[in-house]
Amino acid sequence: MPYVGQTITDVFPTSISVDSATIATANISNQLTDANMSPGSVLQVVSKTDNTEYNTSTSDFSARGTGLDLAITPSSTSSKILITINTSMAFQYNNTYGRMGIYRSISGGATSNNLTGGTDGSVILGNGAYRFPVAIQFLDSPSTTSAVTYSPSFGYAGGGVGVVYIGSALASSCITLMEIGA
């Protein structure tokens, strides 16, 4: 063995000094950029919380939790956006239940009021407001590099006319957007 009898500091110096050095950008290899990330990589994450209660007595998805409006700007038209919304829902009046979807607005482009097809809550029998947690998740393909804004949209359904509530002043609602590379 060539190093038998030598001290370890002779083989592995404890420090290296450099008087001056210039590294040109063109000489740096294996840079971690969006372009060389593998498909399925998370490229960016944005999140927002809100402690507001929203309500509606409409049966479509036109009501929105605007305090949970959140925008993301995809780095590529092939990117996908994973939307996760965690909130609470309550109903008032007999035989009413809530529906929640996701509203999308593309800067300078189209809007969609219900990307998910709707998530129906449970039928509440009896009067009074019963609050329960609701989570909704959707993988969107907005096909743009413009800012895209998402928020929860909601309404009621069922045999009766009622009021549906989402969010609460007592507990935070949260929306998280993740850009996924394609």
N, C-alpha and C. Protein backbone atom coordinates (compact mmCIF):
# COMPACT_ATOMS: atom_id res chain seq x y z
N MET A 1 0.83 -1.17 0.00
CA MET A 1 0.00 0.00 0.00
C MET A 1 0.88 1.24 0.00
N PRO A 2 0.56 2.19 -0.84
CA PRO A 2 1.44 3.36 -0.96
C PRO A 2 1.42 4.29 0.23
N TYR A 3 0.39 4.25 1.12
CA TYR A 3 0.30 5.22 2.20
C TYR A 3 0.67 4.64 3.56
N VAL A 4 1.20 3.44 3.60
CA VAL A 4 1.57 2.84 4.88
C VAL A 4 2.70 3.66 5.49
N GLY A 5 2.51 4.03 6.73
CA GLY A 5 3.53 4.79 7.44
C GLY A 5 3.36 6.29 7.33
N GLN A 6 2.50 6.79 6.46
CA GLN A 6 2.27 8.24 6.35
C GLN A 6 1.17 8.65 7.32
N THR A 7 1.27 9.88 7.79
CA THR A 7 0.21 10.37 8.66
C THR A 7 -1.00 10.76 7.80
N ILE A 8 -2.14 10.78 8.43
CA ILE A 8 -3.37 11.04 7.68
C ILE A 8 -3.40 12.45 7.10
N THR A 9 -2.72 13.42 7.74
CA THR A 9 -2.72 14.79 7.20
C THR A 9 -1.87 14.89 5.94
N ASP A 10 -0.95 13.97 5.73
CA ASP A 10 -0.19 13.97 4.47
C ASP A 10 -1.08 13.52 3.31
N VAL A 11 -2.00 12.61 3.57
CA VAL A 11 -2.87 12.07 2.53
C VAL A 11 -4.09 12.96 2.33
N PHE A 12 -4.69 13.45 3.42
CA PHE A 12 -5.88 14.29 3.37
C PHE A 12 -5.58 15.61 4.08
N PRO A 13 -5.19 16.65 3.35
CA PRO A 13 -4.87 17.92 4.00
C PRO A 13 -6.09 18.49 4.74
N THR A 14 -5.82 19.22 5.81
CA THR A 14 -6.90 19.78 6.61
C THR A 14 -7.45 21.07 6.02
N SER A 15 -6.70 21.72 5.14
CA SER A 15 -7.22 22.93 4.50
C SER A 15 -6.57 23.11 3.14
N ILE A 16 -7.25 23.85 2.30
CA ILE A 16 -6.75 24.17 0.96
C ILE A 16 -6.92 25.67 0.80
N SER A 17 -5.91 26.36 0.33
CA SER A 17 -6.06 27.79 0.11
C SER A 17 -6.01 28.08 -1.39
N VAL A 18 -6.85 29.02 -1.79
CA VAL A 18 -6.92 29.45 -3.18
C VAL A 18 -6.76 30.96 -3.17
N ASP A 19 -5.77 31.45 -3.93
CA ASP A 19 -5.54 32.88 -3.98
C ASP A 19 -6.64 33.60 -4.75
N SER A 20 -7.03 33.09 -5.88
CA SER A 20 -8.13 33.67 -6.65
C SER A 20 -8.69 32.60 -7.57
N ALA A 21 -9.98 32.75 -7.89
CA ALA A 21 -10.63 31.79 -8.77
C ALA A 21 -11.78 32.48 -9.49
N THR A 22 -12.00 32.06 -10.71
CA THR A 22 -13.13 32.54 -11.49
C THR A 22 -13.88 31.33 -12.02
N ILE A 23 -15.18 31.31 -11.75
CA ILE A 23 -16.01 30.22 -12.27
C ILE A 23 -16.99 30.84 -13.25
N ALA A 24 -16.89 30.43 -14.48
CA ALA A 24 -17.82 30.91 -15.50
C ALA A 24 -19.08 30.06 -15.46
N THR A 25 -20.24 30.69 -15.66
CA THR A 25 -21.52 29.98 -15.62
C THR A 25 -21.53 28.80 -16.59
N ALA A 26 -20.90 28.96 -17.74
CA ALA A 26 -20.91 27.91 -18.75
C ALA A 26 -20.16 26.66 -18.28
N ASN A 27 -19.30 26.80 -17.28
CA ASN A 27 -18.51 25.66 -16.82
C ASN A 27 -19.18 24.89 -15.68
N ILE A 28 -20.30 25.38 -15.16
CA ILE A 28 -20.97 24.69 -14.07
C ILE A 28 -21.88 23.63 -14.67
N SER A 29 -21.70 22.39 -14.24
CA SER A 29 -22.53 21.31 -14.78
C SER A 29 -23.52 20.84 -13.72
N ASN A 30 -24.51 20.11 -14.15
CA ASN A 30 -25.52 19.52 -13.28
C ASN A 30 -26.27 20.56 -12.45
N GLN A 31 -26.60 21.69 -13.05
CA GLN A 31 -27.38 22.69 -12.36
C GLN A 31 -28.79 22.17 -12.16
N LEU A 32 -29.39 22.47 -11.03
CA LEU A 32 -30.75 22.05 -10.72
C LEU A 32 -31.70 23.15 -11.16
N THR A 33 -32.36 22.97 -12.30
CA THR A 33 -33.32 23.93 -12.83
C THR A 33 -34.62 23.21 -13.14
N ASP A 34 -35.70 23.98 -13.36
CA ASP A 34 -36.98 23.38 -13.72
C ASP A 34 -36.84 22.53 -14.98
N ALA A 35 -36.01 22.96 -15.92
CA ALA A 35 -35.88 22.26 -17.20
C ALA A 35 -35.27 20.87 -17.05
N ASN A 36 -34.38 20.66 -16.07
CA ASN A 36 -33.78 19.33 -15.95
C ASN A 36 -34.29 18.53 -14.76
N MET A 37 -35.42 18.94 -14.19
CA MET A 37 -36.06 18.16 -13.13
C MET A 37 -36.80 16.99 -13.78
N SER A 38 -36.85 15.87 -13.10
CA SER A 38 -37.54 14.71 -13.65
C SER A 38 -39.05 14.93 -13.59
N PRO A 39 -39.80 14.30 -14.51
CA PRO A 39 -41.27 14.43 -14.49
C PRO A 39 -41.82 14.01 -13.14
N GLY A 40 -42.82 14.74 -12.65
CA GLY A 40 -43.41 14.45 -11.35
C GLY A 40 -42.76 15.21 -10.21
N SER A 41 -41.71 15.96 -10.48
CA SER A 41 -41.04 16.75 -9.44
C SER A 41 -41.91 17.94 -9.05
N VAL A 42 -41.85 18.31 -7.78
CA VAL A 42 -42.54 19.50 -7.31
C VAL A 42 -41.64 20.70 -7.59
N LEU A 43 -42.13 21.63 -8.43
CA LEU A 43 -41.32 22.77 -8.84
C LEU A 43 -41.52 23.98 -7.94
N GLN A 44 -42.73 24.16 -7.41
CA GLN A 44 -42.98 25.25 -6.48
C GLN A 44 -44.23 24.94 -5.67
N VAL A 45 -44.29 25.52 -4.47
CA VAL A 45 -45.43 25.34 -3.57
C VAL A 45 -45.80 26.70 -3.00
N VAL A 46 -47.11 27.02 -3.03
CA VAL A 46 -47.62 28.22 -2.37
C VAL A 46 -48.80 27.80 -1.50
N SER A 47 -48.99 28.50 -0.39
CA SER A 47 -50.05 28.13 0.54
C SER A 47 -50.60 29.38 1.22
N LYS A 48 -51.85 29.29 1.65
CA LYS A 48 -52.50 30.43 2.30
C LYS A 48 -53.54 29.92 3.28
N THR A 49 -53.68 30.60 4.42
CA THR A 49 -54.71 30.25 5.39
C THR A 49 -55.68 31.43 5.54
N ASP A 50 -56.88 31.11 6.05
CA ASP A 50 -57.92 32.12 6.21
C ASP A 50 -58.82 31.70 7.36
N ASN A 51 -59.27 32.65 8.16
CA ASN A 51 -60.16 32.38 9.29
C ASN A 51 -61.50 33.09 9.11
N THR A 52 -62.04 33.04 7.91
CA THR A 52 -63.30 33.70 7.61
C THR A 52 -64.37 32.66 7.34
N GLU A 53 -65.60 32.94 7.79
CA GLU A 53 -66.73 32.07 7.47
C GLU A 53 -67.48 32.69 6.29
N TYR A 54 -67.75 31.88 5.26
CA TYR A 54 -68.49 32.30 4.07
C TYR A 54 -69.79 31.52 4.04
N ASN A 55 -70.87 32.14 3.51
CA ASN A 55 -72.13 31.41 3.41
C ASN A 55 -72.85 31.78 2.12
N THR A 56 -73.75 30.89 1.73
CA THR A 56 -74.55 31.12 0.53
C THR A 56 -75.88 30.39 0.67
N SER A 57 -76.87 30.91 -0.03
CA SER A 57 -78.15 30.21 -0.14
C SER A 57 -78.44 29.92 -1.61
N THR A 58 -77.38 29.85 -2.43
CA THR A 58 -77.53 29.48 -3.84
C THR A 58 -77.25 28.00 -4.02
N SER A 59 -77.84 27.44 -5.06
CA SER A 59 -77.67 26.01 -5.28
C SER A 59 -76.61 25.70 -6.33
N ASP A 60 -76.00 26.72 -6.92
CA ASP A 60 -74.93 26.45 -7.89
C ASP A 60 -73.58 26.64 -7.20
N PHE A 61 -72.53 26.69 -7.97
CA PHE A 61 -71.19 26.84 -7.40
C PHE A 61 -70.70 28.29 -7.50
N SER A 62 -71.62 29.24 -7.50
CA SER A 62 -71.21 30.63 -7.71
C SER A 62 -70.61 31.29 -6.47
N ALA A 63 -70.90 30.79 -5.29
CA ALA A 63 -70.32 31.37 -4.07
C ALA A 63 -68.86 30.93 -3.96
N ARG A 64 -68.03 31.86 -3.46
CA ARG A 64 -66.60 31.54 -3.36
C ARG A 64 -66.06 31.97 -2.01
N GLY A 65 -65.07 31.22 -1.55
CA GLY A 65 -64.32 31.60 -0.36
C GLY A 65 -63.16 32.47 -0.78
N THR A 66 -63.45 33.76 -1.02
CA THR A 66 -62.45 34.66 -1.64
C THR A 66 -61.23 34.90 -0.79
N GLY A 67 -61.33 34.70 0.52
CA GLY A 67 -60.14 34.83 1.37
C GLY A 67 -59.13 33.73 1.12
N LEU A 68 -59.57 32.69 0.41
CA LEU A 68 -58.67 31.60 0.04
C LEU A 68 -58.27 31.68 -1.43
N ASP A 69 -58.51 32.82 -2.10
CA ASP A 69 -57.98 33.01 -3.46
C ASP A 69 -56.46 32.91 -3.39
N LEU A 70 -55.87 32.10 -4.25
CA LEU A 70 -54.42 31.94 -4.26
C LEU A 70 -53.95 31.74 -5.69
N ALA A 71 -52.91 32.48 -6.07
CA ALA A 71 -52.39 32.42 -7.44
C ALA A 71 -51.04 31.71 -7.49
N ILE A 72 -50.80 31.08 -8.63
CA ILE A 72 -49.52 30.44 -8.92
C ILE A 72 -49.24 30.67 -10.40
N THR A 73 -47.98 30.85 -10.75
CA THR A 73 -47.59 31.05 -12.15
C THR A 73 -46.74 29.86 -12.59
N PRO A 74 -47.32 28.95 -13.39
CA PRO A 74 -46.57 27.78 -13.83
C PRO A 74 -45.35 28.17 -14.66
N SER A 75 -44.28 27.40 -14.54
CA SER A 75 -43.05 27.67 -15.29
C SER A 75 -43.10 27.10 -16.70
N SER A 76 -44.08 26.22 -16.98
CA SER A 76 -44.20 25.59 -18.30
C SER A 76 -45.66 25.31 -18.59
N THR A 77 -46.03 25.33 -19.87
CA THR A 77 -47.42 25.01 -20.23
C THR A 77 -47.74 23.54 -20.00
N SER A 78 -46.74 22.70 -19.86
CA SER A 78 -47.00 21.27 -19.62
C SER A 78 -47.11 20.93 -18.13
N SER A 79 -46.85 21.91 -17.25
CA SER A 79 -46.94 21.67 -15.81
C SER A 79 -48.37 21.41 -15.39
N LYS A 80 -48.51 20.66 -14.32
CA LYS A 80 -49.81 20.43 -13.70
C LYS A 80 -49.81 21.13 -12.34
N ILE A 81 -51.00 21.48 -11.87
CA ILE A 81 -51.15 22.13 -10.57
C ILE A 81 -52.00 21.24 -9.68
N LEU A 82 -51.44 20.84 -8.53
CA LEU A 82 -52.18 20.06 -7.55
C LEU A 82 -52.78 21.03 -6.54
N ILE A 83 -54.12 21.07 -6.48
CA ILE A 83 -54.83 21.97 -5.58
C ILE A 83 -55.35 21.15 -4.40
N THR A 84 -55.07 21.60 -3.19
CA THR A 84 -55.59 20.98 -1.98
C THR A 84 -56.26 22.05 -1.14
N ILE A 85 -57.52 21.83 -0.79
CA ILE A 85 -58.26 22.77 0.06
C ILE A 85 -58.76 22.01 1.28
N ASN A 86 -58.44 22.52 2.46
CA ASN A 86 -58.93 21.97 3.73
C ASN A 86 -59.72 23.05 4.44
N THR A 87 -60.98 22.77 4.72
CA THR A 87 -61.83 23.76 5.37
C THR A 87 -62.88 23.00 6.19
N SER A 88 -63.92 23.70 6.59
CA SER A 88 -65.04 23.06 7.27
C SER A 88 -66.32 23.49 6.57
N MET A 89 -67.38 22.72 6.76
CA MET A 89 -68.65 23.02 6.12
C MET A 89 -69.76 22.81 7.14
N ALA A 90 -70.80 23.63 7.05
CA ALA A 90 -71.97 23.48 7.91
C ALA A 90 -73.21 23.79 7.07
N PHE A 91 -74.36 23.26 7.52
CA PHE A 91 -75.63 23.46 6.82
C PHE A 91 -76.67 23.93 7.81
N GLN A 92 -77.61 24.67 7.32
CA GLN A 92 -78.69 25.11 8.18
C GLN A 92 -80.01 24.83 7.45
N TYR A 93 -80.95 24.27 8.13
CA TYR A 93 -82.28 23.90 7.66
C TYR A 93 -82.33 22.43 7.28
N ASN A 94 -83.54 21.91 7.22
CA ASN A 94 -83.76 20.48 6.98
C ASN A 94 -83.34 20.05 5.59
N ASN A 95 -82.84 18.83 5.53
CA ASN A 95 -82.56 18.14 4.27
C ASN A 95 -81.73 18.95 3.28
N THR A 96 -80.78 19.69 3.78
CA THR A 96 -79.89 20.46 2.93
C THR A 96 -78.50 19.87 3.07
N TYR A 97 -77.78 19.84 1.99
CA TYR A 97 -76.38 19.45 2.09
C TYR A 97 -75.55 20.32 1.15
N GLY A 98 -74.26 20.40 1.45
CA GLY A 98 -73.39 21.30 0.72
C GLY A 98 -72.64 20.63 -0.40
N ARG A 99 -72.23 21.44 -1.33
CA ARG A 99 -71.40 20.98 -2.44
C ARG A 99 -70.22 21.94 -2.54
N MET A 100 -69.05 21.40 -2.72
CA MET A 100 -67.87 22.25 -2.85
C MET A 100 -67.08 21.84 -4.07
N GLY A 101 -66.61 22.83 -4.82
CA GLY A 101 -65.76 22.59 -5.98
C GLY A 101 -64.57 23.53 -5.94
N ILE A 102 -63.90 23.68 -7.06
CA ILE A 102 -62.74 24.58 -7.14
C ILE A 102 -62.96 25.54 -8.28
N TYR A 103 -62.83 26.82 -7.99
CA TYR A 103 -62.92 27.87 -8.99
C TYR A 103 -61.53 28.17 -9.52
N ARG A 104 -61.40 28.32 -10.85
CA ARG A 104 -60.11 28.64 -11.46
C ARG A 104 -60.28 29.84 -12.38
N SER A 105 -59.32 30.76 -12.31
CA SER A 105 -59.29 31.91 -13.20
C SER A 105 -57.85 32.07 -13.71
N ILE A 106 -57.71 32.09 -15.05
CA ILE A 106 -56.39 32.28 -15.66
C ILE A 106 -56.26 33.74 -16.06
N SER A 107 -55.18 34.38 -15.66
CA SER A 107 -54.96 35.78 -15.97
C SER A 107 -55.06 36.00 -17.48
N GLY A 108 -56.00 36.86 -17.87
CA GLY A 108 -56.18 37.15 -19.29
C GLY A 108 -56.84 36.03 -20.06
N GLY A 109 -57.44 35.06 -19.36
CA GLY A 109 -58.01 33.90 -20.06
C GLY A 109 -59.31 33.43 -19.46
N ALA A 110 -59.53 32.15 -19.55
CA ALA A 110 -60.81 31.53 -19.18
C ALA A 110 -60.94 31.31 -17.68
N THR A 111 -62.19 31.20 -17.24
CA THR A 111 -62.48 30.81 -15.86
C THR A 111 -63.29 29.52 -15.88
N SER A 112 -63.22 28.79 -14.81
CA SER A 112 -64.01 27.58 -14.65
C SER A 112 -64.50 27.57 -13.22
N ASN A 113 -65.82 27.44 -13.03
CA ASN A 113 -66.38 27.56 -11.69
C ASN A 113 -66.37 26.26 -10.91
N ASN A 114 -66.20 25.13 -11.56
CA ASN A 114 -66.20 23.88 -10.82
C ASN A 114 -65.32 22.86 -11.53
N LEU A 115 -64.04 22.88 -11.24
CA LEU A 115 -63.10 21.96 -11.90
C LEU A 115 -63.35 20.51 -11.53
N THR A 116 -63.85 20.25 -10.33
CA THR A 116 -63.87 18.90 -9.81
C THR A 116 -65.13 18.11 -10.09
N GLY A 117 -66.18 18.76 -10.53
CA GLY A 117 -67.45 18.06 -10.67
C GLY A 117 -68.24 18.07 -9.38
N GLY A 118 -67.65 18.60 -8.32
CA GLY A 118 -68.39 18.77 -7.07
C GLY A 118 -68.11 17.70 -6.05
N THR A 119 -68.04 18.09 -4.83
CA THR A 119 -67.93 17.17 -3.72
C THR A 119 -69.14 17.41 -2.85
N ASP A 120 -69.99 16.42 -2.70
CA ASP A 120 -71.20 16.58 -1.91
C ASP A 120 -70.94 16.21 -0.47
N GLY A 121 -71.50 17.02 0.42
CA GLY A 121 -71.43 16.72 1.84
C GLY A 121 -72.55 15.76 2.23
N SER A 122 -72.67 15.50 3.48
CA SER A 122 -73.69 14.58 3.98
C SER A 122 -75.01 15.30 4.16
N VAL A 123 -76.11 14.56 4.11
CA VAL A 123 -77.43 15.12 4.39
C VAL A 123 -77.53 15.32 5.90
N ILE A 124 -77.93 16.50 6.28
CA ILE A 124 -78.09 16.81 7.69
C ILE A 124 -79.59 16.77 8.00
N LEU A 125 -79.99 15.91 8.88
CA LEU A 125 -81.39 15.81 9.25
C LEU A 125 -81.62 16.63 10.50
N GLY A 126 -82.53 17.58 10.40
CA GLY A 126 -82.84 18.43 11.55
C GLY A 126 -82.26 19.82 11.36
N ASN A 127 -82.80 20.76 12.09
CA ASN A 127 -82.34 22.14 12.00
C ASN A 127 -81.06 22.33 12.79
N GLY A 128 -80.41 23.43 12.51
CA GLY A 128 -79.18 23.76 13.22
C GLY A 128 -77.98 23.58 12.33
N ALA A 129 -76.90 24.19 12.71
CA ALA A 129 -75.67 24.14 11.92
C ALA A 129 -74.72 23.12 12.55
N TYR A 130 -74.38 22.09 11.80
CA TYR A 130 -73.43 21.08 12.23
C TYR A 130 -72.19 21.23 11.36
N ARG A 131 -71.07 21.47 11.98
CA ARG A 131 -69.84 21.73 11.23
C ARG A 131 -68.98 20.46 11.18
N PHE A 132 -68.44 20.18 9.98
CA PHE A 132 -67.54 19.03 9.85
C PHE A 132 -66.44 19.38 8.86
N PRO A 133 -65.28 18.71 8.96
CA PRO A 133 -64.15 19.03 8.08
C PRO A 133 -64.41 18.54 6.65
N VAL A 134 -63.90 19.30 5.71
CA VAL A 134 -63.99 18.95 4.29
C VAL A 134 -62.61 19.14 3.67
N ALA A 135 -62.16 18.16 2.91
CA ALA A 135 -60.90 18.27 2.16
C ALA A 135 -61.21 17.94 0.71
N ILE A 136 -60.64 18.72 -0.18
CA ILE A 136 -60.85 18.49 -1.61
C ILE A 136 -59.50 18.63 -2.29
N GLN A 137 -59.26 17.79 -3.27
CA GLN A 137 -57.98 17.81 -3.98
C GLN A 137 -58.24 17.55 -5.46
N PHE A 138 -57.50 18.25 -6.31
CA PHE A 138 -57.69 18.11 -7.76
C PHE A 138 -56.37 18.40 -8.47
N LEU A 139 -56.06 17.62 -9.51
CA LEU A 139 -54.86 17.84 -10.32
C LEU A 139 -55.31 18.51 -11.62
N ASP A 140 -54.92 19.76 -11.79
CA ASP A 140 -55.36 20.58 -12.92
C ASP A 140 -54.26 20.67 -13.98
N SER A 141 -54.65 20.83 -15.23
CA SER A 141 -53.73 21.05 -16.35
C SER A 141 -54.10 22.38 -17.00
N PRO A 142 -53.64 23.51 -16.45
CA PRO A 142 -54.09 24.80 -16.98
C PRO A 142 -53.48 25.17 -18.33
N SER A 143 -52.41 24.52 -18.76
CA SER A 143 -51.77 24.76 -20.07
C SER A 143 -51.45 26.23 -20.31
N THR A 144 -50.80 26.86 -19.34
CA THR A 144 -50.46 28.27 -19.45
C THR A 144 -49.21 28.57 -18.62
N THR A 145 -48.57 29.69 -18.93
CA THR A 145 -47.51 30.22 -18.07
C THR A 145 -47.95 31.56 -17.48
N SER A 146 -49.24 31.87 -17.60
CA SER A 146 -49.82 33.05 -16.95
C SER A 146 -50.24 32.67 -15.54
N ALA A 147 -50.44 33.68 -14.70
CA ALA A 147 -50.89 33.43 -13.33
C ALA A 147 -52.26 32.76 -13.34
N VAL A 148 -52.42 31.74 -12.50
CA VAL A 148 -53.68 31.02 -12.36
C VAL A 148 -54.11 31.15 -10.90
N THR A 149 -55.37 31.59 -10.68
CA THR A 149 -55.90 31.77 -9.33
C THR A 149 -56.94 30.69 -9.05
N TYR A 150 -56.85 30.08 -7.88
CA TYR A 150 -57.79 29.05 -7.45
C TYR A 150 -58.42 29.47 -6.13
N SER A 151 -59.66 29.04 -5.90
CA SER A 151 -60.34 29.23 -4.62
C SER A 151 -61.48 28.23 -4.52
N PRO A 152 -61.99 27.97 -3.31
CA PRO A 152 -63.14 27.07 -3.19
C PRO A 152 -64.40 27.74 -3.70
N SER A 153 -65.25 26.96 -4.38
CA SER A 153 -66.58 27.43 -4.77
C SER A 153 -67.57 26.47 -4.13
N PHE A 154 -68.75 26.97 -3.77
CA PHE A 154 -69.67 26.10 -3.03
C PHE A 154 -71.11 26.52 -3.22
N GLY A 155 -72.01 25.64 -2.83
CA GLY A 155 -73.45 25.88 -2.90
C GLY A 155 -74.16 24.79 -2.12
N TYR A 156 -75.50 24.84 -2.13
CA TYR A 156 -76.26 23.81 -1.41
C TYR A 156 -77.02 22.95 -2.41
N ALA A 157 -77.44 21.83 -1.95
CA ALA A 157 -78.29 20.94 -2.74
C ALA A 157 -79.20 20.21 -1.76
N GLY A 158 -80.11 19.44 -2.27
CA GLY A 158 -81.01 18.70 -1.41
C GLY A 158 -82.44 19.16 -1.58
N GLY A 159 -83.32 18.58 -0.79
CA GLY A 159 -84.74 18.85 -0.92
C GLY A 159 -85.16 20.21 -0.40
N GLY A 160 -84.49 20.72 0.58
CA GLY A 160 -84.90 21.99 1.17
C GLY A 160 -84.08 23.14 0.68
N VAL A 161 -84.51 24.32 1.03
CA VAL A 161 -83.73 25.52 0.75
C VAL A 161 -82.97 25.82 2.02
N GLY A 162 -81.69 26.06 1.90
CA GLY A 162 -80.92 26.26 3.11
C GLY A 162 -79.75 27.19 2.91
N VAL A 163 -78.94 27.24 3.92
CA VAL A 163 -77.72 28.04 3.90
C VAL A 163 -76.56 27.08 4.13
N VAL A 164 -75.53 27.24 3.34
CA VAL A 164 -74.32 26.44 3.47
C VAL A 164 -73.20 27.38 3.89
N TYR A 165 -72.40 26.93 4.84
CA TYR A 165 -71.27 27.71 5.34
C TYR A 165 -69.99 26.93 5.07
N ILE A 166 -68.94 27.64 4.67
CA ILE A 166 -67.60 27.05 4.66
C ILE A 166 -66.68 27.97 5.46
N GLY A 167 -65.66 27.39 6.03
CA GLY A 167 -64.71 28.16 6.83
C GLY A 167 -65.27 28.49 8.20
N SER A 168 -64.42 29.03 9.04
CA SER A 168 -64.81 29.36 10.40
C SER A 168 -63.82 30.35 10.99
N ALA A 169 -64.34 31.22 11.85
CA ALA A 169 -63.45 32.13 12.57
C ALA A 169 -62.69 31.39 13.66
N LEU A 170 -63.15 30.17 14.00
CA LEU A 170 -62.55 29.41 15.09
C LEU A 170 -61.44 28.48 14.64
N ALA A 171 -61.37 28.18 13.34
CA ALA A 171 -60.35 27.26 12.83
C ALA A 171 -59.92 27.71 11.45
N SER A 172 -58.65 27.62 11.16
CA SER A 172 -58.12 28.08 9.88
C SER A 172 -58.48 27.12 8.75
N SER A 173 -58.85 27.70 7.62
CA SER A 173 -58.96 26.96 6.37
C SER A 173 -57.66 27.17 5.62
N CYS A 174 -57.31 26.23 4.74
CA CYS A 174 -56.02 26.32 4.06
C CYS A 174 -56.17 25.88 2.60
N ILE A 175 -55.48 26.58 1.71
CA ILE A 175 -55.36 26.16 0.32
C ILE A 175 -53.87 26.05 0.01
N THR A 176 -53.49 24.97 -0.67
CA THR A 176 -52.10 24.75 -1.07
C THR A 176 -52.08 24.42 -2.56
N LEU A 177 -51.19 25.07 -3.30
CA LEU A 177 -51.00 24.82 -4.73
C LEU A 177 -49.58 24.33 -4.95
N MET A 178 -49.45 23.23 -5.70
CA MET A 178 -48.13 22.68 -6.03
C MET A 178 -48.01 22.56 -7.54
N GLU A 179 -46.95 23.15 -8.09
CA GLU A 179 -46.67 22.95 -9.51
C GLU A 179 -45.89 21.65 -9.67
N ILE A 180 -46.41 20.76 -10.49
CA ILE A 180 -45.79 19.46 -10.74
C ILE A 180 -45.24 19.45 -12.16
N GLY A 181 -43.95 19.18 -12.32
CA GLY A 181 -43.32 19.14 -13.63
C GLY A 181 -43.81 17.94 -14.44
N ALA A 182 -43.96 18.16 -15.73
CA ALA A 182 -44.44 17.06 -16.62
C ALA A 182 -43.29 16.48 -17.40
